[in-house]
Amino acid sequence: MVGFERKNQNVLLTSKKTTIINFQLETHVYKLDEISVTTKRDYDWIGDAELFRKNFLGSSVNSKECKIINRETLDFSNH
C-alpha cells in the first residue's frame, strides 16, 4: 500500500495573525500481509446455472431468445 510518512510539527501561535506553514508530504510504501480474495460463486455454480437454464427454459428455438436476468440470485447450494 502506498501512503504518506507521518509528520508532526509543533506550532506556537502568539498572535491573531494568519500563519502559513508549508510542508511537503513524503510517500511511504507499507508492506501488508498477503490476503486472499474469493467469491461465493465457483465453477460448479456456473455449470449448475447453465444446467438450470436448459432445464427451466428448455432447448427450443424460442428458449434461445429467453434470458434469466437475475442469475446472481440463483442458489444451488442445497442440491
C-alpha atoms as a PDB file:
ATOM      1  CA  MET A   1       0.000   0.000   0.000  1.00  0.00           C
ATOM      2  CA  VAL A   2       1.292   3.452  -0.757  1.00  0.00           C
ATOM      3  CA  GLY A   3       0.636   6.158   1.786  1.00  0.00           C
ATOM      4  CA  PHE A   4       2.446   9.032   3.405  1.00  0.00           C
ATOM      5  CA  GLU A   5       5.011   9.302   6.179  1.00  0.00           C
ATOM      6  CA  ARG A   6       3.706  10.615   9.472  1.00  0.00           C
ATOM      7  CA  LYS A   7       4.978  14.049  10.283  1.00  0.00           C
ATOM      8  CA  ASN A   8       4.496  16.128  13.395  1.00  0.00           C
ATOM      9  CA  GLN A   9       5.172  19.844  13.552  1.00  0.00           C
ATOM     10  CA  ASN A  10       4.786  21.883  16.712  1.00  0.00           C
ATOM     11  CA  VAL A  11       3.414  25.352  16.058  1.00  0.00           C
ATOM     12  CA  LEU A  12       3.301  28.177  18.558  1.00  0.00           C
ATOM     13  CA  LEU A  13       0.715  30.824  17.710  1.00  0.00           C
ATOM     14  CA  THR A  14       1.367  34.059  19.584  1.00  0.00           C
ATOM     15  CA  SER A  15      -0.879  36.491  17.727  1.00  0.00           C
ATOM     16  CA  LYS A  16      -4.172  36.549  15.880  1.00  0.00           C
ATOM     17  CA  LYS A  17      -2.457  36.950  12.505  1.00  0.00           C
ATOM     18  CA  THR A  18      -2.758  34.327   9.810  1.00  0.00           C
ATOM     19  CA  THR A  19       0.129  31.922   9.954  1.00  0.00           C
ATOM     20  CA  ILE A  20       1.211  29.984   6.893  1.00  0.00           C
ATOM     21  CA  ILE A  21       3.018  26.711   7.428  1.00  0.00           C
ATOM     22  CA  ASN A  22       4.499  25.000   4.398  1.00  0.00           C
ATOM     23  CA  PHE A  23       5.364  21.333   4.441  1.00  0.00           C
ATOM     24  CA  GLN A  24       5.686  18.519   1.953  1.00  0.00           C
ATOM     25  CA  LEU A  25       4.183  15.060   2.314  1.00  0.00           C
ATOM     26  CA  GLU A  26       6.611  12.228   1.708  1.00  0.00           C
ATOM     27  CA  THR A  27       5.315   8.987   0.261  1.00  0.00           C
ATOM     28  CA  HIS A  28       5.864   5.724   2.072  1.00  0.00           C
ATOM     29  CA  VAL A  29       5.309   2.156   0.884  1.00  0.00           C
ATOM     30  CA  TYR A  30       3.727  -0.039   3.546  1.00  0.00           C
ATOM     31  CA  LYS A  31       4.185  -3.793   3.167  1.00  0.00           C
ATOM     32  CA  LEU A  32       0.992  -5.577   4.114  1.00  0.00           C
ATOM     33  CA  ASP A  33       0.416  -9.239   4.815  1.00  0.00           C
ATOM     34  CA  GLU A  34      -0.841 -11.357   1.957  1.00  0.00           C
ATOM     35  CA  ILE A  35      -4.605 -11.557   1.517  1.00  0.00           C
ATOM     36  CA  SER A  36      -6.811 -13.913  -0.441  1.00  0.00           C
ATOM     37  CA  VAL A  37      -9.917 -12.775  -2.256  1.00  0.00           C
ATOM     38  CA  THR A  38     -12.526 -15.395  -3.020  1.00  0.00           C
ATOM     39  CA  THR A  39     -16.005 -15.409  -4.401  1.00  0.00           C
ATOM     40  CA  LYS A  40     -19.064 -17.345  -3.391  1.00  0.00           C
ATOM     41  CA  ARG A  41     -19.583 -18.431  -6.978  1.00  0.00           C
ATOM     42  CA  ASP A  42     -17.300 -21.202  -8.119  1.00  0.00           C
ATOM     43  CA  TYR A  43     -17.003 -23.130 -11.350  1.00  0.00           C
ATOM     44  CA  ASP A  44     -19.584 -25.648 -10.139  1.00  0.00           C
ATOM     45  CA  TRP A  45     -22.099 -22.811  -9.776  1.00  0.00           C
ATOM     46  CA  ILE A  46     -21.527 -21.741 -13.389  1.00  0.00           C
ATOM     47  CA  GLY A  47     -22.200 -25.294 -14.594  1.00  0.00           C
ATOM     48  CA  ASP A  48     -25.246 -25.588 -12.341  1.00  0.00           C
ATOM     49  CA  ALA A  49     -26.607 -22.288 -13.653  1.00  0.00           C
ATOM     50  CA  GLU A  50     -26.283 -23.495 -17.241  1.00  0.00           C
ATOM     51  CA  LEU A  51     -27.975 -26.802 -16.382  1.00  0.00           C
ATOM     52  CA  PHE A  52     -30.780 -24.881 -14.629  1.00  0.00           C
ATOM     53  CA  ARG A  53     -31.228 -22.622 -17.649  1.00  0.00           C
ATOM     54  CA  LYS A  54     -31.513 -25.594 -20.011  1.00  0.00           C
ATOM     55  CA  ASN A  55     -33.995 -27.423 -17.758  1.00  0.00           C
ATOM     56  CA  PHE A  56     -36.033 -24.338 -16.884  1.00  0.00           C
ATOM     57  CA  LEU A  57     -36.210 -22.731 -20.329  1.00  0.00           C
ATOM     58  CA  GLY A  58     -35.784 -25.808 -22.497  1.00  0.00           C
ATOM     59  CA  SER A  59     -33.855 -26.072 -25.724  1.00  0.00           C
ATOM     60  CA  SER A  60     -36.346 -24.904 -28.342  1.00  0.00           C
ATOM     61  CA  VAL A  61     -35.706 -22.124 -30.832  1.00  0.00           C
ATOM     62  CA  ASN A  62     -37.831 -19.798 -28.688  1.00  0.00           C
ATOM     63  CA  SER A  63     -35.983 -20.664 -25.481  1.00  0.00           C
ATOM     64  CA  LYS A  64     -32.721 -19.482 -27.008  1.00  0.00           C
ATOM     65  CA  GLU A  65     -34.244 -15.988 -27.134  1.00  0.00           C
ATOM     66  CA  CYS A  66     -35.023 -16.042 -23.384  1.00  0.00           C
ATOM     67  CA  LYS A  67     -32.670 -14.781 -20.700  1.00  0.00           C
ATOM     68  CA  ILE A  68     -32.610 -15.095 -16.930  1.00  0.00           C
ATOM     69  CA  ILE A  69     -31.883 -11.514 -15.941  1.00  0.00           C
ATOM     70  CA  ASN A  70     -31.251 -12.120 -12.223  1.00  0.00           C
ATOM     71  CA  ARG A  71     -28.882 -15.094 -12.480  1.00  0.00           C
ATOM     72  CA  GLU A  72     -26.882 -13.907  -9.484  1.00  0.00           C
ATOM     73  CA  THR A  73     -29.815 -14.695  -7.168  1.00  0.00           C
ATOM     74  CA  LEU A  74     -29.778 -18.405  -8.032  1.00  0.00           C
ATOM     75  CA  ASP A  75     -28.539 -20.569  -5.174  1.00  0.00           C
ATOM     76  CA  PHE A  76     -27.631 -24.186  -5.886  1.00  0.00           C
ATOM     77  CA  SER A  77     -26.079 -24.924  -2.508  1.00  0.00           C
ATOM     78  CA  ASN A  78     -28.843 -27.301  -1.427  1.00  0.00           C
ATOM     79  CA  HIS A  79     -28.801 -29.686  -4.396  1.00  0.00           C
END
